[in-house]
């Protein structure tokens, strides 16, 4: 994986929520909403905002929306409509999610016991 470390962490967190937790997309959507709220704090961007180890909060918001949509385009098309994301980008979201899922699942395969979604309570007991 060749991405910024914090982007990789965001992608893994989103992937694990989506693939391992019941209603994981909704939990990830809550995180995306937090990024959107944080991005409203900026009136102007300064140079440190661009060289920070994290992507900009607005970028993190759209990337998370993209991964949620890519995981289940039929159920999450409304996210793309609300965010006014065009069809070309939507197709890329599907491809990006597939690549994210395939990459992380290949890396983590030796460490994962099963891939069934779990409720939050079941995950805590594991």
Protein backbone atom coordinates (compact mmCIF):
# COMPACT_ATOMS: atom_id res chain seq x y z
CA UNK A 1 0.00 0.00 0.00
CA UNK A 2 1.45 3.30 -1.04
CA UNK A 3 -0.60 6.03 0.61
CA UNK A 4 -0.22 8.43 3.47
CA UNK A 5 -0.25 6.50 6.75
CA UNK A 6 -3.27 8.34 8.11
CA UNK A 7 -5.23 7.79 4.89
CA UNK A 8 -4.46 4.08 5.20
CA UNK A 9 -5.73 4.13 8.79
CA UNK A 10 -8.95 5.88 7.70
CA UNK A 11 -9.44 3.34 4.92
CA UNK A 12 -8.87 0.39 7.23
CA UNK A 13 -11.23 1.78 9.86
CA UNK A 14 -13.94 2.32 7.26
CA UNK A 15 -13.40 -1.12 5.75
CA UNK A 16 -13.53 -2.90 9.11
CA UNK A 17 -16.72 -1.09 10.03
CA UNK A 18 -18.36 -1.95 6.73
CA UNK A 19 -17.25 -5.56 6.52
CA UNK A 20 -17.16 -6.62 10.15
CA UNK A 21 -19.98 -4.78 11.91
CA UNK A 22 -23.70 -4.91 11.44
CA UNK A 23 -24.76 -1.42 10.29
CA UNK A 24 -21.09 -0.58 9.78
CA UNK A 25 -21.87 1.75 6.88
CA UNK A 26 -24.01 3.84 9.22
CA UNK A 27 -21.20 4.03 11.79
CA UNK A 28 -18.77 5.08 9.05
CA UNK A 29 -21.28 7.69 7.89
CA UNK A 30 -21.23 9.16 11.40
CA UNK A 31 -17.44 9.47 11.13
CA UNK A 32 -17.82 11.13 7.72
CA UNK A 33 -20.28 13.61 9.22
CA UNK A 34 -17.70 14.44 11.88
CA UNK A 35 -15.13 15.17 9.16
CA UNK A 36 -17.68 17.43 7.44
CA UNK A 37 -18.30 19.33 10.68
CA UNK A 38 -14.57 19.68 11.31
CA UNK A 39 -14.05 21.02 7.79
CA UNK A 40 -16.49 23.86 8.51
CA UNK A 41 -14.05 25.22 11.10
CA UNK A 42 -11.73 26.45 8.36
CA UNK A 43 -12.24 29.97 7.06
CA UNK A 44 -8.91 29.81 5.28
CA UNK A 45 -6.34 27.10 4.82
CA UNK A 46 -2.74 27.73 5.76
CA UNK A 47 0.37 25.90 4.56
CA UNK A 48 0.47 23.55 7.58
CA UNK A 49 -2.99 22.29 6.60
CA UNK A 50 -1.50 21.00 3.35
CA UNK A 51 1.57 19.28 4.79
CA UNK A 52 -0.19 17.70 7.75
CA UNK A 53 -0.06 13.91 7.98
CA UNK A 54 -3.86 13.85 7.56
CA UNK A 55 -5.72 14.73 4.41
CA UNK A 56 -7.98 17.74 4.74
CA UNK A 57 -11.18 17.00 6.67
CA UNK A 58 -13.28 17.72 3.58
CA UNK A 59 -11.23 15.13 1.65
CA UNK A 60 -11.66 12.61 4.45
CA UNK A 61 -15.43 13.25 4.35
CA UNK A 62 -15.71 12.62 0.61
CA UNK A 63 -13.38 9.62 0.69
CA UNK A 64 -15.45 7.99 3.45
CA UNK A 65 -18.68 8.69 1.53
CA UNK A 66 -17.04 7.19 -1.54
CA UNK A 67 -16.09 3.99 0.31
CA UNK A 68 -19.55 3.63 1.82
CA UNK A 69 -21.16 4.04 -1.58
CA UNK A 70 -18.62 1.73 -3.22
CA UNK A 71 -19.44 -0.99 -0.72
CA UNK A 72 -23.15 -0.99 -1.65
CA UNK A 73 -24.06 1.34 -4.52
CA UNK A 74 -27.74 0.41 -4.59
CA UNK A 75 -28.37 1.27 -0.95
CA UNK A 76 -26.12 4.32 -0.75
CA UNK A 77 -26.78 6.09 -4.05
CA UNK A 78 -28.54 8.83 -2.10
CA UNK A 79 -25.19 9.80 -0.52
CA UNK A 80 -23.75 10.55 -3.95
CA UNK A 81 -26.86 12.49 -4.94
CA UNK A 82 -26.81 14.56 -1.74
CA UNK A 83 -23.08 15.28 -2.17
CA UNK A 84 -23.57 16.08 -5.88
CA UNK A 85 -20.92 13.55 -6.95
CA UNK A 86 -21.06 12.81 -10.67
CA UNK A 87 -21.46 9.38 -12.26
CA UNK A 88 -17.82 9.08 -13.34
CA UNK A 89 -16.64 9.58 -9.76
CA UNK A 90 -19.28 7.14 -8.50
CA UNK A 91 -17.83 4.44 -10.75
CA UNK A 92 -14.37 5.17 -9.38
CA UNK A 93 -15.74 4.86 -5.84
CA UNK A 94 -16.83 1.31 -6.60
CA UNK A 95 -13.39 0.50 -8.01
CA UNK A 96 -11.63 2.17 -5.06
CA UNK A 97 -13.68 0.25 -2.52
CA UNK A 98 -12.99 -3.04 -4.30
CA UNK A 99 -9.25 -2.28 -4.35
CA UNK A 100 -9.33 -1.21 -0.67
CA UNK A 101 -11.20 -4.35 0.34
CA UNK A 102 -9.06 -6.72 -1.72
CA UNK A 103 -5.79 -5.17 -0.52
CA UNK A 104 -6.60 -5.09 3.18
CA UNK A 105 -8.26 -8.51 3.16
CA UNK A 106 -5.20 -10.03 1.46
CA UNK A 107 -2.87 -8.39 4.00
CA UNK A 108 -5.01 -9.36 6.99
CA UNK A 109 -6.12 -12.85 5.85
CA UNK A 110 -3.65 -14.67 8.14
CA UNK A 111 -5.01 -12.77 11.13
CA UNK A 112 -8.78 -12.79 10.50
CA UNK A 113 -10.85 -15.71 11.73
CA UNK A 114 -13.97 -15.07 9.64
CA UNK A 115 -15.52 -12.31 7.62
CA UNK A 116 -19.08 -12.37 8.91
CA UNK A 117 -20.53 -9.09 10.07
CA UNK A 118 -20.99 -8.85 13.81
CA UNK A 119 -23.10 -6.63 15.97
CA UNK A 120 -21.23 -4.20 18.18
CA UNK A 121 -21.97 -6.41 21.20
CA UNK A 122 -20.67 -9.54 19.49
CA UNK A 123 -17.48 -7.77 18.41
CA UNK A 124 -16.78 -6.69 21.98
CA UNK A 125 -17.13 -10.27 23.24
CA UNK A 126 -14.73 -11.69 20.64
